[in-house]
Amino acid sequence: MTQLSFLALCAFVNRLGLEASSGYGVASKIVNFAMLVPSALMQSMASFVSQNVGAGNPKRAKQSMFTGIGVGLAFGCVVFALVMLKGDILAGFFSTDAAVIQKGFD
């Protein structure tokens, strides 16, 4: 369902013109890059917590879970601030066209 919704969104944005479509592509790259850290944290914390639960060490499992949540939250806040305040600079990493950078920031 998620992939179908992204397909529908892409079809809608393509009707808005080349700049909007390119801006959407740039914004999608930024989102995919930003999701690398939370995805890696999710996978590593799942195995680490489950190993500690299986070893009968629930205190360590709980501590590591909260550490993973804290790191993910801190990273998420930094990425949020970067996207909201300096999104045009981030978009500039993926395109040199000023109109595409502006659409990606929007």
C-alpha atoms as a PDB file:
ATOM      1  CA  MET A   1       0.000   0.000   0.000  1.00  0.00           C
ATOM      2  CA  THR A   2       2.847   2.390   0.771  1.00  0.00           C
ATOM      3  CA  GLN A   3       4.467   1.847  -2.607  1.00  0.00           C
ATOM      4  CA  LEU A   4       1.130   2.326  -4.352  1.00  0.00           C
ATOM      5  CA  SER A   5       0.596   5.618  -2.550  1.00  0.00           C
ATOM      6  CA  PHE A   6       4.070   6.794  -3.602  1.00  0.00           C
ATOM      7  CA  LEU A   7       3.250   5.789  -7.167  1.00  0.00           C
ATOM      8  CA  ALA A   8       0.019   7.788  -7.046  1.00  0.00           C
ATOM      9  CA  LEU A   9       1.854  10.781  -5.557  1.00  0.00           C
ATOM     10  CA  CYS A  10       4.510  10.581  -8.264  1.00  0.00           C
ATOM     11  CA  ALA A  11       1.823  10.495 -10.976  1.00  0.00           C
ATOM     12  CA  PHE A  12       0.169  13.559  -9.441  1.00  0.00           C
ATOM     13  CA  VAL A  13       3.439  15.508  -9.166  1.00  0.00           C
ATOM     14  CA  ASN A  14       4.414  14.652 -12.755  1.00  0.00           C
ATOM     15  CA  ARG A  15       1.346  16.567 -13.927  1.00  0.00           C
ATOM     16  CA  LEU A  16       2.657  19.738 -12.254  1.00  0.00           C
ATOM     17  CA  GLY A  17       5.593  20.075 -14.620  1.00  0.00           C
ATOM     18  CA  LEU A  18       9.267  19.286 -14.942  1.00  0.00           C
ATOM     19  CA  GLU A  19      10.485  21.486 -12.082  1.00  0.00           C
ATOM     20  CA  ALA A  20       7.960  20.087  -9.598  1.00  0.00           C
ATOM     21  CA  SER A  21       8.739  16.540 -10.697  1.00  0.00           C
ATOM     22  CA  SER A  22      12.478  17.098 -10.351  1.00  0.00           C
ATOM     23  CA  GLY A  23      11.978  18.786  -6.979  1.00  0.00           C
ATOM     24  CA  TYR A  24       9.962  15.797  -5.798  1.00  0.00           C
ATOM     25  CA  GLY A  25      12.782  13.508  -6.907  1.00  0.00           C
ATOM     26  CA  VAL A  26      15.323  15.575  -4.969  1.00  0.00           C
ATOM     27  CA  ALA A  27      13.115  15.603  -1.865  1.00  0.00           C
ATOM     28  CA  SER A  28      12.675  11.829  -2.135  1.00  0.00           C
ATOM     29  CA  LYS A  29      16.449  11.368  -2.194  1.00  0.00           C
ATOM     30  CA  ILE A  30      16.795  13.478   0.955  1.00  0.00           C
ATOM     31  CA  VAL A  31      14.094  11.430   2.696  1.00  0.00           C
ATOM     32  CA  ASN A  32      15.709   8.139   1.666  1.00  0.00           C
ATOM     33  CA  PHE A  33      19.099   9.327   2.927  1.00  0.00           C
ATOM     34  CA  ALA A  34      17.600  10.528   6.227  1.00  0.00           C
ATOM     35  CA  MET A  35      15.877   7.160   6.761  1.00  0.00           C
ATOM     36  CA  LEU A  36      19.152   5.201   6.609  1.00  0.00           C
ATOM     37  CA  VAL A  37      20.085   5.854  10.245  1.00  0.00           C
ATOM     38  CA  PRO A  38      16.668   5.057  11.792  1.00  0.00           C
ATOM     39  CA  SER A  39      16.428   1.916   9.676  1.00  0.00           C
ATOM     40  CA  ALA A  40      19.884   0.750  10.769  1.00  0.00           C
ATOM     41  CA  LEU A  41      19.037   1.526  14.402  1.00  0.00           C
ATOM     42  CA  MET A  42      15.797  -0.407  14.152  1.00  0.00           C
ATOM     43  CA  GLN A  43      17.511  -3.500  12.781  1.00  0.00           C
ATOM     44  CA  SER A  44      20.445  -3.431  15.191  1.00  0.00           C
ATOM     45  CA  MET A  45      18.334  -2.696  18.274  1.00  0.00           C
ATOM     46  CA  ALA A  46      15.883  -5.479  17.407  1.00  0.00           C
ATOM     47  CA  SER A  47      18.611  -8.103  17.409  1.00  0.00           C
ATOM     48  CA  PHE A  48      20.457  -6.648  20.413  1.00  0.00           C
ATOM     49  CA  VAL A  49      17.321  -6.396  22.563  1.00  0.00           C
ATOM     50  CA  SER A  50      16.083  -9.846  21.568  1.00  0.00           C
ATOM     51  CA  GLN A  51      19.472 -11.409  22.382  1.00  0.00           C
ATOM     52  CA  ASN A  52      19.416  -9.836  25.834  1.00  0.00           C
ATOM     53  CA  VAL A  53      15.840 -10.919  26.462  1.00  0.00           C
ATOM     54  CA  GLY A  54      16.749 -14.442  25.369  1.00  0.00           C
ATOM     55  CA  ALA A  55      19.790 -14.404  27.671  1.00  0.00           C
ATOM     56  CA  GLY A  56      17.574 -13.477  30.619  1.00  0.00           C
ATOM     57  CA  ASN A  57      18.915  -9.939  30.965  1.00  0.00           C
ATOM     58  CA  PRO A  58      15.808  -7.737  30.691  1.00  0.00           C
ATOM     59  CA  LYS A  59      17.447  -4.750  32.426  1.00  0.00           C
ATOM     60  CA  ARG A  60      20.138  -4.515  29.749  1.00  0.00           C
ATOM     61  CA  ALA A  61      17.543  -5.057  27.020  1.00  0.00           C
ATOM     62  CA  LYS A  62      15.423  -2.191  28.351  1.00  0.00           C
ATOM     63  CA  GLN A  63      18.461   0.070  28.726  1.00  0.00           C
ATOM     64  CA  SER A  64      19.626  -0.620  25.189  1.00  0.00           C
ATOM     65  CA  MET A  65      16.119  -0.076  23.829  1.00  0.00           C
ATOM     66  CA  PHE A  66      15.935   3.362  25.445  1.00  0.00           C
ATOM     67  CA  THR A  67      19.438   4.180  24.209  1.00  0.00           C
ATOM     68  CA  GLY A  68      18.375   3.316  20.656  1.00  0.00           C
ATOM     69  CA  ILE A  69      15.236   5.417  21.012  1.00  0.00           C
ATOM     70  CA  GLY A  70      17.306   8.332  22.323  1.00  0.00           C
ATOM     71  CA  VAL A  71      19.839   8.156  19.499  1.00  0.00           C
ATOM     72  CA  GLY A  72      17.053   7.890  16.927  1.00  0.00           C
ATOM     73  CA  LEU A  73      15.191  10.820  18.460  1.00  0.00           C
ATOM     74  CA  ALA A  74      18.320  12.987  18.565  1.00  0.00           C
ATOM     75  CA  PHE A  75      19.134  12.174  14.935  1.00  0.00           C
ATOM     76  CA  GLY A  76      15.534  12.821  13.930  1.00  0.00           C
ATOM     77  CA  CYS A  77      15.546  16.249  15.593  1.00  0.00           C
ATOM     78  CA  VAL A  78      18.793  17.209  13.849  1.00  0.00           C
ATOM     79  CA  VAL A  79      17.491  16.080  10.453  1.00  0.00           C
ATOM     80  CA  PHE A  80      14.187  17.880  11.061  1.00  0.00           C
ATOM     81  CA  ALA A  81      16.010  21.122  11.860  1.00  0.00           C
ATOM     82  CA  LEU A  82      18.266  20.760   8.809  1.00  0.00           C
ATOM     83  CA  VAL A  83      15.350  20.110   6.468  1.00  0.00           C
ATOM     84  CA  MET A  84      13.227  22.938   7.848  1.00  0.00           C
ATOM     85  CA  LEU A  85      15.994  25.545   8.064  1.00  0.00           C
ATOM     86  CA  LYS A  86      18.564  24.513   5.445  1.00  0.00           C
ATOM     87  CA  GLY A  87      16.559  22.335   3.080  1.00  0.00           C
ATOM     88  CA  ASP A  88      17.702  24.359   0.091  1.00  0.00           C
ATOM     89  CA  ILE A  89      21.328  23.502   0.900  1.00  0.00           C
ATOM     90  CA  LEU A  90      20.448  19.814   1.223  1.00  0.00           C
ATOM     91  CA  ALA A  91      18.601  19.924  -2.098  1.00  0.00           C
ATOM     92  CA  GLY A  92      21.648  21.583  -3.624  1.00  0.00           C
ATOM     93  CA  PHE A  93      23.618  18.378  -3.056  1.00  0.00           C
ATOM     94  CA  PHE A  94      21.394  16.611  -5.589  1.00  0.00           C
ATOM     95  CA  SER A  95      20.780  19.335  -8.187  1.00  0.00           C
ATOM     96  CA  THR A  96      22.366  22.536  -9.468  1.00  0.00           C
ATOM     97  CA  ASP A  97      19.212  24.011 -11.035  1.00  0.00           C
ATOM     98  CA  ALA A  98      17.875  26.818  -8.804  1.00  0.00           C
ATOM     99  CA  ALA A  99      14.227  26.145  -9.682  1.00  0.00           C
ATOM    100  CA  VAL A 100      14.554  22.434  -8.880  1.00  0.00           C
ATOM    101  CA  ILE A 101      16.309  23.235  -5.594  1.00  0.00           C
ATOM    102  CA  GLN A 102      13.498  25.607  -4.648  1.00  0.00           C
ATOM    103  CA  LYS A 103      10.810  23.051  -5.519  1.00  0.00           C
ATOM    104  CA  GLY A 104      12.665  20.386  -3.560  1.00  0.00           C
ATOM    105  CA  PHE A 105      12.866  22.728  -0.574  1.00  0.00           C
ATOM    106  CA  ASP A 106       9.169  23.591  -0.876  1.00  0.00           C
END
